[in-house]
Amino acid sequence: MNVSGGAVKVFKLLFFLSILYVALTARINGRNEVQWQQHAAAIGTPESLTLLIAHPDDEVMFFSPSLLQLDRLLPQSVRFNFVCLSKGDADHLGETRELELQRSLNLLTSNSQRKTQLYQFDYPDGFDEKWEIESVVSIVESKVFIGSGFNLLLTFDAHGVSNHPNHVACHNAVARLIEKGHKALYLNSHSRNLPLKYSGFIWELIRMLSDSVMKLERTGLTFMNSFPQYILAFAAMANAHESQLVWFRYGWWSLSRFVFVNDLEIVI
């Protein structure tokens, strides 16, 4: 089989960047800490971090960089709430997926000593389903927010990932909760930048090295999984969400920026 010289060069470059990604674990962790400290005072210390997602597996397919970094960076007194609005029952696997979500969270938080709680609801899953936003706000306020302090919410931006209406509903519910005094982190979906969205860890690794050489400091909040954290997140997907690990998911776990990097918009 003939392999072109260009293909060989691309393979060598990808191999080099992969080795570099593994080797830079400590620097990635340090960068995450610096980025968080730039914003920690303005955000404050919340009573809880509440991840609001639409489907079981959203927590690991999209939000593992944020969850794993915030677990390291927030005080242990901050409770983590995981609110999943549907059971992902479009293919009649709702009960299975509910159990898979709990197993995934157990794996993702296996190194943590903090209190965590899963709140599973049963809104209908699907692109054609419209969720009543005030209903979502009401159940979050009545069942999840139990103290008097403010809650830091984590969810999708206004576009959702691939404009999924269930993701957008999560965003709209959090937007209403912000009006009531809570704070939020929105995941940038990069809906108009497909090359970035599917660049895996490569673009962020190059940017990190470039910033180091040029002595640049970023003002935004970007969390990046180190290689061990990426392996933990993939292990949660592979061992917990077995019903969802079809062939094309392996492409997602190789190419998607979301499993390596979360770019977050802070709303306070």
C-alpha atoms as a PDB file:
ATOM      1  CA  MET A   1       0.000   0.000   0.000  1.00  0.00           C
ATOM      2  CA  ASN A   2       1.416   3.366  -1.021  1.00  0.00           C
ATOM      3  CA  VAL A   3       1.197   6.164   1.518  1.00  0.00           C
ATOM      4  CA  SER A   4       1.861   9.699   0.326  1.00  0.00           C
ATOM      5  CA  GLY A   5       4.598  11.771   1.884  1.00  0.00           C
ATOM      6  CA  GLY A   6       2.025  14.346   2.969  1.00  0.00           C
ATOM      7  CA  ALA A   7       0.016  11.748   4.873  1.00  0.00           C
ATOM      8  CA  VAL A   8       3.148  10.542   6.643  1.00  0.00           C
ATOM      9  CA  LYS A   9       3.998  14.100   7.700  1.00  0.00           C
ATOM     10  CA  VAL A  10       0.484  14.652   9.040  1.00  0.00           C
ATOM     11  CA  PHE A  11       0.662  11.402  10.987  1.00  0.00           C
ATOM     12  CA  LYS A  12       4.039  12.356  12.468  1.00  0.00           C
ATOM     13  CA  LEU A  13       2.706  15.781  13.463  1.00  0.00           C
ATOM     14  CA  LEU A  14      -0.358  14.299  15.142  1.00  0.00           C
ATOM     15  CA  PHE A  15       1.793  11.749  16.936  1.00  0.00           C
ATOM     16  CA  PHE A  16       4.130  14.493  18.166  1.00  0.00           C
ATOM     17  CA  LEU A  17       1.230  16.642  19.383  1.00  0.00           C
ATOM     18  CA  SER A  18      -0.319  13.657  21.158  1.00  0.00           C
ATOM     19  CA  ILE A  19       2.928  12.940  23.007  1.00  0.00           C
ATOM     20  CA  LEU A  20       3.189  16.633  23.853  1.00  0.00           C
ATOM     21  CA  TYR A  21      -0.375  16.640  25.193  1.00  0.00           C
ATOM     22  CA  VAL A  22       0.475  13.791  27.564  1.00  0.00           C
ATOM     23  CA  ALA A  23       3.750  15.406  28.641  1.00  0.00           C
ATOM     24  CA  LEU A  24       2.160  18.777  29.432  1.00  0.00           C
ATOM     25  CA  THR A  25      -0.244  17.483  32.081  1.00  0.00           C
ATOM     26  CA  ALA A  26       1.224  19.630  34.876  1.00  0.00           C
ATOM     27  CA  ARG A  27       1.252  22.760  32.722  1.00  0.00           C
ATOM     28  CA  ILE A  28      -2.374  22.215  31.679  1.00  0.00           C
ATOM     29  CA  ASN A  29      -3.417  21.871  35.323  1.00  0.00           C
ATOM     30  CA  GLY A  30      -1.499  25.015  36.227  1.00  0.00           C
ATOM     31  CA  ARG A  31      -3.093  26.959  33.393  1.00  0.00           C
ATOM     32  CA  ASN A  32      -6.562  25.907  34.539  1.00  0.00           C
ATOM     33  CA  GLU A  33      -5.786  27.164  38.047  1.00  0.00           C
ATOM     34  CA  VAL A  34      -4.504  30.513  36.784  1.00  0.00           C
ATOM     35  CA  GLN A  35      -7.543  31.028  34.572  1.00  0.00           C
ATOM     36  CA  TRP A  36      -9.911  30.252  37.440  1.00  0.00           C
ATOM     37  CA  GLN A  37      -8.116  32.556  39.875  1.00  0.00           C
ATOM     38  CA  GLN A  38      -8.540  35.441  37.436  1.00  0.00           C
ATOM     39  CA  HIS A  39     -12.312  35.157  37.867  1.00  0.00           C
ATOM     40  CA  ALA A  40     -12.797  33.508  41.270  1.00  0.00           C
ATOM     41  CA  ALA A  41     -13.146  36.741  43.238  1.00  0.00           C
ATOM     42  CA  ALA A  42     -15.797  38.134  40.889  1.00  0.00           C
ATOM     43  CA  ILE A  43     -17.756  34.874  40.899  1.00  0.00           C
ATOM     44  CA  GLY A  44     -17.490  34.299  44.642  1.00  0.00           C
ATOM     45  CA  THR A  45     -17.985  31.037  46.508  1.00  0.00           C
ATOM     46  CA  PRO A  46     -21.367  29.518  45.663  1.00  0.00           C
ATOM     47  CA  GLU A  47     -23.452  27.331  47.910  1.00  0.00           C
ATOM     48  CA  SER A  48     -23.620  24.795  45.104  1.00  0.00           C
ATOM     49  CA  LEU A  49     -22.615  24.157  41.522  1.00  0.00           C
ATOM     50  CA  THR A  50     -25.609  22.986  39.514  1.00  0.00           C
ATOM     51  CA  LEU A  51     -25.094  21.365  36.115  1.00  0.00           C
ATOM     52  CA  LEU A  52     -28.318  21.521  34.095  1.00  0.00           C
ATOM     53  CA  ILE A  53     -28.355  19.076  31.170  1.00  0.00           C
ATOM     54  CA  ALA A  54     -30.964  17.728  28.795  1.00  0.00           C
ATOM     55  CA  HIS A  55     -29.972  14.065  28.428  1.00  0.00           C
ATOM     56  CA  PRO A  56     -27.977  11.343  30.171  1.00  0.00           C
ATOM     57  CA  ASP A  57     -24.431  11.463  28.686  1.00  0.00           C
ATOM     58  CA  ASP A  58     -24.458  15.273  28.232  1.00  0.00           C
ATOM     59  CA  GLU A  59     -22.431  15.494  31.442  1.00  0.00           C
ATOM     60  CA  VAL A  60     -19.500  13.600  29.936  1.00  0.00           C
ATOM     61  CA  MET A  61     -19.919  14.307  26.214  1.00  0.00           C
ATOM     62  CA  PHE A  62     -19.846  18.085  26.727  1.00  0.00           C
ATOM     63  CA  PHE A  63     -19.023  19.152  30.279  1.00  0.00           C
ATOM     64  CA  SER A  64     -16.276  16.897  31.659  1.00  0.00           C
ATOM     65  CA  PRO A  65     -13.525  19.568  31.360  1.00  0.00           C
ATOM     66  CA  SER A  66     -15.587  21.973  33.480  1.00  0.00           C
ATOM     67  CA  LEU A  67     -16.723  19.381  36.013  1.00  0.00           C
ATOM     68  CA  LEU A  68     -13.287  17.896  36.570  1.00  0.00           C
ATOM     69  CA  GLN A  69     -11.572  21.281  36.905  1.00  0.00           C
ATOM     70  CA  LEU A  70     -14.230  22.806  39.161  1.00  0.00           C
ATOM     71  CA  ASP A  71     -14.074  19.744  41.384  1.00  0.00           C
ATOM     72  CA  ARG A  72     -10.376  20.512  41.876  1.00  0.00           C
ATOM     73  CA  LEU A  73     -10.760  24.273  42.235  1.00  0.00           C
ATOM     74  CA  LEU A  74     -13.925  24.889  44.263  1.00  0.00           C
ATOM     75  CA  PRO A  75     -13.929  24.373  48.053  1.00  0.00           C
ATOM     76  CA  GLN A  76     -15.099  20.941  49.188  1.00  0.00           C
ATOM     77  CA  SER A  77     -18.011  22.617  50.980  1.00  0.00           C
ATOM     78  CA  VAL A  78     -19.600  23.457  47.608  1.00  0.00           C
ATOM     79  CA  ARG A  79     -22.207  20.820  46.803  1.00  0.00           C
ATOM     80  CA  PHE A  80     -22.461  19.564  43.210  1.00  0.00           C
ATOM     81  CA  ASN A  81     -25.978  19.129  41.845  1.00  0.00           C
ATOM     82  CA  PHE A  82     -26.577  17.286  38.584  1.00  0.00           C
ATOM     83  CA  VAL A  83     -29.972  18.046  37.073  1.00  0.00           C
ATOM     84  CA  CYS A  84     -30.973  15.993  34.025  1.00  0.00           C
ATOM     85  CA  LEU A  85     -34.300  17.048  32.563  1.00  0.00           C
ATOM     86  CA  SER A  86     -35.028  13.986  30.403  1.00  0.00           C
ATOM     87  CA  LYS A  87     -34.196  10.306  30.561  1.00  0.00           C
ATOM     88  CA  GLY A  88     -33.173  10.291  26.892  1.00  0.00           C
ATOM     89  CA  ASP A  89     -36.099   8.028  26.125  1.00  0.00           C
ATOM     90  CA  ALA A  90     -36.424   8.787  22.399  1.00  0.00           C
ATOM     91  CA  ASP A  91     -35.253   5.224  21.658  1.00  0.00           C
ATOM     92  CA  HIS A  92     -37.173   3.718  24.606  1.00  0.00           C
ATOM     93  CA  LEU A  93     -34.028   3.318  26.705  1.00  0.00           C
ATOM     94  CA  GLY A  94     -34.988   5.766  29.433  1.00  0.00           C
ATOM     95  CA  GLU A  95     -34.619   3.486  32.446  1.00  0.00           C
ATOM     96  CA  THR A  96     -31.300   2.152  31.162  1.00  0.00           C
ATOM     97  CA  ARG A  97     -29.944   5.616  30.485  1.00  0.00           C
ATOM     98  CA  GLU A  98     -30.989   6.886  33.902  1.00  0.00           C
ATOM     99  CA  LEU A  99     -28.889   4.160  35.532  1.00  0.00           C
ATOM    100  CA  GLU A 100     -26.020   4.869  33.133  1.00  0.00           C
ATOM    101  CA  LEU A 101     -26.006   8.525  34.148  1.00  0.00           C
ATOM    102  CA  GLN A 102     -25.673   7.633  37.821  1.00  0.00           C
ATOM    103  CA  ARG A 103     -22.787   5.276  37.062  1.00  0.00           C
ATOM    104  CA  SER A 104     -21.085   7.930  34.946  1.00  0.00           C
ATOM    105  CA  LEU A 105     -21.319  10.508  37.729  1.00  0.00           C
ATOM    106  CA  ASN A 106     -19.955   7.985  40.209  1.00  0.00           C
ATOM    107  CA  LEU A 107     -16.907   7.525  37.979  1.00  0.00           C
ATOM    108  CA  LEU A 108     -16.412  11.233  37.266  1.00  0.00           C
ATOM    109  CA  THR A 109     -16.522  12.080  40.975  1.00  0.00           C
ATOM    110  CA  SER A 110     -14.634   8.990  42.152  1.00  0.00           C
ATOM    111  CA  ASN A 111     -11.689  11.110  43.339  1.00  0.00           C
ATOM    112  CA  SER A 112     -13.903  13.664  45.095  1.00  0.00           C
ATOM    113  CA  GLN A 113     -14.975  13.923  48.726  1.00  0.00           C
ATOM    114  CA  ARG A 114     -17.680  16.534  48.166  1.00  0.00           C
ATOM    115  CA  LYS A 115     -21.420  16.015  48.448  1.00  0.00           C
ATOM    116  CA  THR A 116     -23.157  15.334  45.141  1.00  0.00           C
ATOM    117  CA  GLN A 117     -26.777  14.799  44.193  1.00  0.00           C
ATOM    118  CA  LEU A 118     -28.469  13.692  40.974  1.00  0.00           C
ATOM    119  CA  TYR A 119     -31.932  15.019  40.177  1.00  0.00           C
ATOM    120  CA  GLN A 120     -33.468  13.056  37.310  1.00  0.00           C
ATOM    121  CA  PHE A 121     -36.653  14.322  35.656  1.00  0.00           C
ATOM    122  CA  ASP A 122     -38.716  12.935  32.805  1.00  0.00           C
ATOM    123  CA  TYR A 123     -39.360  15.674  30.264  1.00  0.00           C
ATOM    124  CA  PRO A 124     -40.002  14.198  26.790  1.00  0.00           C
ATOM    125  CA  ASP A 125     -36.819  13.769  24.745  1.00  0.00           C
ATOM    126  CA  GLY A 126     -36.588  14.812  21.106  1.00  0.00           C
ATOM    127  CA  PHE A 127     -35.942  17.543  18.557  1.00  0.00           C
ATOM    128  CA  ASP A 128     -39.665  18.197  18.258  1.00  0.00           C
ATOM    129  CA  GLU A 129     -40.310  18.498  21.987  1.00  0.00           C
ATOM    130  CA  LYS A 130     -40.825  21.952  23.504  1.00  0.00           C
ATOM    131  CA  TRP A 131     -40.278  22.232  27.241  1.00  0.00           C
ATOM    132  CA  GLU A 132     -42.131  24.774  29.350  1.00  0.00           C
ATOM    133  CA  ILE A 133     -39.372  27.000  30.702  1.00  0.00           C
ATOM    134  CA  GLU A 134     -41.261  28.202  33.767  1.00  0.00           C
ATOM    135  CA  SER A 135     -41.884  24.572  34.696  1.00  0.00           C
ATOM    136  CA  VAL A 136     -38.145  23.838  34.541  1.00  0.00           C
ATOM    137  CA  VAL A 137     -37.348  26.938  36.610  1.00  0.00           C
ATOM    138  CA  SER A 138     -39.942  25.950  39.193  1.00  0.00           C
ATOM    139  CA  ILE A 139     -38.655  22.415  39.734  1.00  0.00           C
ATOM    140  CA  VAL A 140     -35.049  23.576  39.977  1.00  0.00           C
ATOM    141  CA  GLU A 141     -35.946  26.225  42.546  1.00  0.00           C
ATOM    142  CA  SER A 142     -38.204  23.960  44.605  1.00  0.00           C
ATOM    143  CA  LYS A 143     -36.282  20.672  44.487  1.00  0.00           C
ATOM    144  CA  VAL A 144     -32.629  21.593  43.929  1.00  0.00           C
ATOM    145  CA  PHE A 145     -31.937  24.966  45.538  1.00  0.00           C
ATOM    146  CA  ILE A 146     -32.282  24.210  49.244  1.00  0.00           C
ATOM    147  CA  GLY A 147     -30.171  26.899  50.927  1.00  0.00           C
ATOM    148  CA  SER A 148     -30.066  30.671  51.094  1.00  0.00           C
ATOM    149  CA  GLY A 149     -26.797  31.233  49.218  1.00  0.00           C
ATOM    150  CA  PHE A 150     -26.381  31.790  45.503  1.00  0.00           C
ATOM    151  CA  ASN A 151     -25.991  28.901  43.094  1.00  0.00           C
ATOM    152  CA  LEU A 152     -23.502  28.740  40.244  1.00  0.00           C
ATOM    153  CA  LEU A 153     -25.195  27.140  37.259  1.00  0.00           C
ATOM    154  CA  LEU A 154     -23.438  25.406  34.375  1.00  0.00           C
ATOM    155  CA  THR A 155     -25.248  24.717  31.118  1.00  0.00           C
ATOM    156  CA  PHE A 156     -25.335  25.245  27.344  1.00  0.00           C
ATOM    157  CA  ASP A 157     -25.199  28.599  25.583  1.00  0.00           C
ATOM    158  CA  ALA A 158     -28.146  29.991  23.621  1.00  0.00           C
ATOM    159  CA  HIS A 159     -27.366  27.802  20.593  1.00  0.00           C
ATOM    160  CA  GLY A 160     -27.007  24.500  22.423  1.00  0.00           C
ATOM    161  CA  VAL A 161     -24.773  21.925  20.770  1.00  0.00           C
ATOM    162  CA  SER A 162     -25.929  21.543  17.156  1.00  0.00           C
ATOM    163  CA  ASN A 163     -28.914  23.769  18.019  1.00  0.00           C
ATOM    164  CA  HIS A 164     -30.643  20.951  19.882  1.00  0.00           C
ATOM    165  CA  PRO A 165     -33.907  22.439  21.250  1.00  0.00           C
ATOM    166  CA  ASN A 166     -33.582  20.501  24.514  1.00  0.00           C
ATOM    167  CA  HIS A 167     -30.163  22.096  25.074  1.00  0.00           C
ATOM    168  CA  VAL A 168     -31.587  25.521  24.252  1.00  0.00           C
ATOM    169  CA  ALA A 169     -34.349  24.944  26.806  1.00  0.00           C
ATOM    170  CA  CYS A 170     -31.690  24.341  29.477  1.00  0.00           C
ATOM    171  CA  HIS A 171     -30.085  27.649  28.556  1.00  0.00           C
ATOM    172  CA  ASN A 172     -33.386  29.518  28.646  1.00  0.00           C
ATOM    173  CA  ALA A 173     -34.221  28.123  32.080  1.00  0.00           C
ATOM    174  CA  VAL A 174     -30.843  29.201  33.454  1.00  0.00           C
ATOM    175  CA  ALA A 175     -31.288  32.657  31.909  1.00  0.00           C
ATOM    176  CA  ARG A 176     -34.476  33.003  33.976  1.00  0.00           C
ATOM    177  CA  LEU A 177     -32.669  31.835  37.115  1.00  0.00           C
ATOM    178  CA  ILE A 178     -29.953  34.449  36.566  1.00  0.00           C
ATOM    179  CA  GLU A 179     -32.679  37.094  36.737  1.00  0.00           C
ATOM    180  CA  LYS A 180     -33.420  35.786  40.241  1.00  0.00           C
ATOM    181  CA  GLY A 181     -29.913  36.377  41.556  1.00  0.00           C
ATOM    182  CA  HIS A 182     -27.971  33.275  40.586  1.00  0.00           C
ATOM    183  CA  LYS A 183     -24.797  33.157  38.488  1.00  0.00           C
ATOM    184  CA  ALA A 184     -23.918  30.987  35.517  1.00  0.00           C
ATOM    185  CA  LEU A 185     -21.270  29.565  33.243  1.00  0.00           C
ATOM    186  CA  TYR A 186     -22.397  28.970  29.653  1.00  0.00           C
ATOM    187  CA  LEU A 187     -20.594  26.458  27.447  1.00  0.00           C
ATOM    188  CA  ASN A 188     -19.608  28.094  24.153  1.00  0.00           C
ATOM    189  CA  SER A 189     -21.005  25.778  21.470  1.00  0.00           C
ATOM    190  CA  HIS A 190     -18.831  27.232  18.652  1.00  0.00           C
ATOM    191  CA  SER A 191     -21.862  26.788  16.430  1.00  0.00           C
ATOM    192  CA  ARG A 192     -20.341  28.895  13.628  1.00  0.00           C
ATOM    193  CA  ASN A 193     -16.791  27.577  13.844  1.00  0.00           C
ATOM    194  CA  LEU A 194     -16.814  23.927  12.830  1.00  0.00           C
ATOM    195  CA  PRO A 195     -13.013  23.593  12.402  1.00  0.00           C
ATOM    196  CA  LEU A 196     -12.539  24.716  16.012  1.00  0.00           C
ATOM    197  CA  LYS A 197     -15.439  22.591  17.238  1.00  0.00           C
ATOM    198  CA  TYR A 198     -13.820  19.459  15.794  1.00  0.00           C
ATOM    199  CA  SER A 199     -10.157  20.233  16.435  1.00  0.00           C
ATOM    200  CA  GLY A 200      -9.902  17.956  19.480  1.00  0.00           C
ATOM    201  CA  PHE A 201      -7.121  19.126  21.793  1.00  0.00           C
ATOM    202  CA  ILE A 202      -4.866  20.332  18.969  1.00  0.00           C
ATOM    203  CA  TRP A 203      -5.931  23.973  18.615  1.00  0.00           C
ATOM    204  CA  GLU A 204      -5.912  24.579  22.368  1.00  0.00           C
ATOM    205  CA  LEU A 205      -2.519  22.933  22.764  1.00  0.00           C
ATOM    206  CA  ILE A 206      -1.046  25.144  20.030  1.00  0.00           C
ATOM    207  CA  ARG A 207      -2.654  28.226  21.584  1.00  0.00           C
ATOM    208  CA  MET A 208      -1.293  27.337  25.019  1.00  0.00           C
ATOM    209  CA  LEU A 209       2.237  26.967  23.662  1.00  0.00           C
ATOM    210  CA  SER A 210       1.915  30.166  21.636  1.00  0.00           C
ATOM    211  CA  ASP A 211       0.704  32.112  24.677  1.00  0.00           C
ATOM    212  CA  SER A 212       3.654  30.791  26.671  1.00  0.00           C
ATOM    213  CA  VAL A 213       6.197  31.865  24.056  1.00  0.00           C
ATOM    214  CA  MET A 214       4.585  35.286  23.504  1.00  0.00           C
ATOM    215  CA  LYS A 215       3.846  35.858  27.230  1.00  0.00           C
ATOM    216  CA  LEU A 216       0.139  36.379  26.555  1.00  0.00           C
ATOM    217  CA  GLU A 217      -2.586  36.105  29.184  1.00  0.00           C
ATOM    218  CA  ARG A 218      -6.118  35.168  28.192  1.00  0.00           C
ATOM    219  CA  THR A 219      -8.979  37.050  29.838  1.00  0.00           C
ATOM    220  CA  GLY A 220     -11.662  34.436  29.173  1.00  0.00           C
ATOM    221  CA  LEU A 221     -12.291  31.234  31.093  1.00  0.00           C
ATOM    222  CA  THR A 222     -11.192  28.060  29.344  1.00  0.00           C
ATOM    223  CA  PHE A 223     -10.818  24.700  31.055  1.00  0.00           C
ATOM    224  CA  MET A 224      -8.786  21.935  29.444  1.00  0.00           C
ATOM    225  CA  ASN A 225      -8.685  18.305  30.493  1.00  0.00           C
ATOM    226  CA  SER A 226      -5.211  16.978  31.089  1.00  0.00           C
ATOM    227  CA  PHE A 227      -4.537  13.575  29.553  1.00  0.00           C
ATOM    228  CA  PRO A 228      -5.367  11.654  32.775  1.00  0.00           C
ATOM    229  CA  GLN A 229      -8.622  13.607  33.084  1.00  0.00           C
ATOM    230  CA  TYR A 230      -9.509  12.877  29.476  1.00  0.00           C
ATOM    231  CA  ILE A 231      -8.928   9.171  30.141  1.00  0.00           C
ATOM    232  CA  LEU A 232     -11.171   9.374  33.223  1.00  0.00           C
ATOM    233  CA  ALA A 233     -13.928  11.045  31.191  1.00  0.00           C
ATOM    234  CA  PHE A 234     -13.647   8.495  28.379  1.00  0.00           C
ATOM    235  CA  ALA A 235     -13.708   5.685  30.936  1.00  0.00           C
ATOM    236  CA  ALA A 236     -16.962   7.111  32.314  1.00  0.00           C
ATOM    237  CA  MET A 237     -18.433   7.127  28.815  1.00  0.00           C
ATOM    238  CA  ALA A 238     -17.198   3.658  27.883  1.00  0.00           C
ATOM    239  CA  ASN A 239     -18.036   1.920  31.152  1.00  0.00           C
ATOM    240  CA  ALA A 240     -21.227   3.716  32.140  1.00  0.00           C
ATOM    241  CA  HIS A 241     -22.986   4.830  28.945  1.00  0.00           C
ATOM    242  CA  GLU A 242     -22.750   1.484  27.173  1.00  0.00           C
ATOM    243  CA  SER A 243     -26.053   1.929  25.330  1.00  0.00           C
ATOM    244  CA  GLN A 244     -24.709   5.110  23.703  1.00  0.00           C
ATOM    245  CA  LEU A 245     -21.213   3.951  22.753  1.00  0.00           C
ATOM    246  CA  VAL A 246     -21.963   3.262  19.096  1.00  0.00           C
ATOM    247  CA  TRP A 247     -19.232   3.454  16.465  1.00  0.00           C
ATOM    248  CA  PHE A 248     -19.458   7.165  15.649  1.00  0.00           C
ATOM    249  CA  ARG A 249     -18.961   8.107  19.320  1.00  0.00           C
ATOM    250  CA  TYR A 250     -15.320   7.085  18.959  1.00  0.00           C
ATOM    251  CA  GLY A 251     -14.961   9.796  16.335  1.00  0.00           C
ATOM    252  CA  TRP A 252     -16.503  12.266  18.773  1.00  0.00           C
ATOM    253  CA  TRP A 253     -14.031  11.288  21.480  1.00  0.00           C
ATOM    254  CA  SER A 254     -11.148  11.780  19.061  1.00  0.00           C
ATOM    255  CA  LEU A 255     -12.188  14.996  17.330  1.00  0.00           C
ATOM    256  CA  SER A 256     -14.628  16.950  19.498  1.00  0.00           C
ATOM    257  CA  ARG A 257     -13.263  19.972  21.336  1.00  0.00           C
ATOM    258  CA  PHE A 258     -15.861  19.482  24.087  1.00  0.00           C
ATOM    259  CA  VAL A 259     -14.269  16.313  25.485  1.00  0.00           C
ATOM    260  CA  PHE A 260     -10.937  18.122  25.821  1.00  0.00           C
ATOM    261  CA  VAL A 261     -11.785  21.812  26.251  1.00  0.00           C
ATOM    262  CA  ASN A 262     -14.661  23.937  27.552  1.00  0.00           C
ATOM    263  CA  ASP A 263     -14.772  27.639  26.679  1.00  0.00           C
ATOM    264  CA  LEU A 264     -17.067  29.288  29.202  1.00  0.00           C
ATOM    265  CA  GLU A 265     -18.972  32.561  29.287  1.00  0.00           C
ATOM    266  CA  ILE A 266     -19.347  33.945  32.806  1.00  0.00           C
ATOM    267  CA  VAL A 267     -22.681  35.601  33.617  1.00  0.00           C
ATOM    268  CA  ILE A 268     -22.774  37.307  37.019  1.00  0.00           C
END
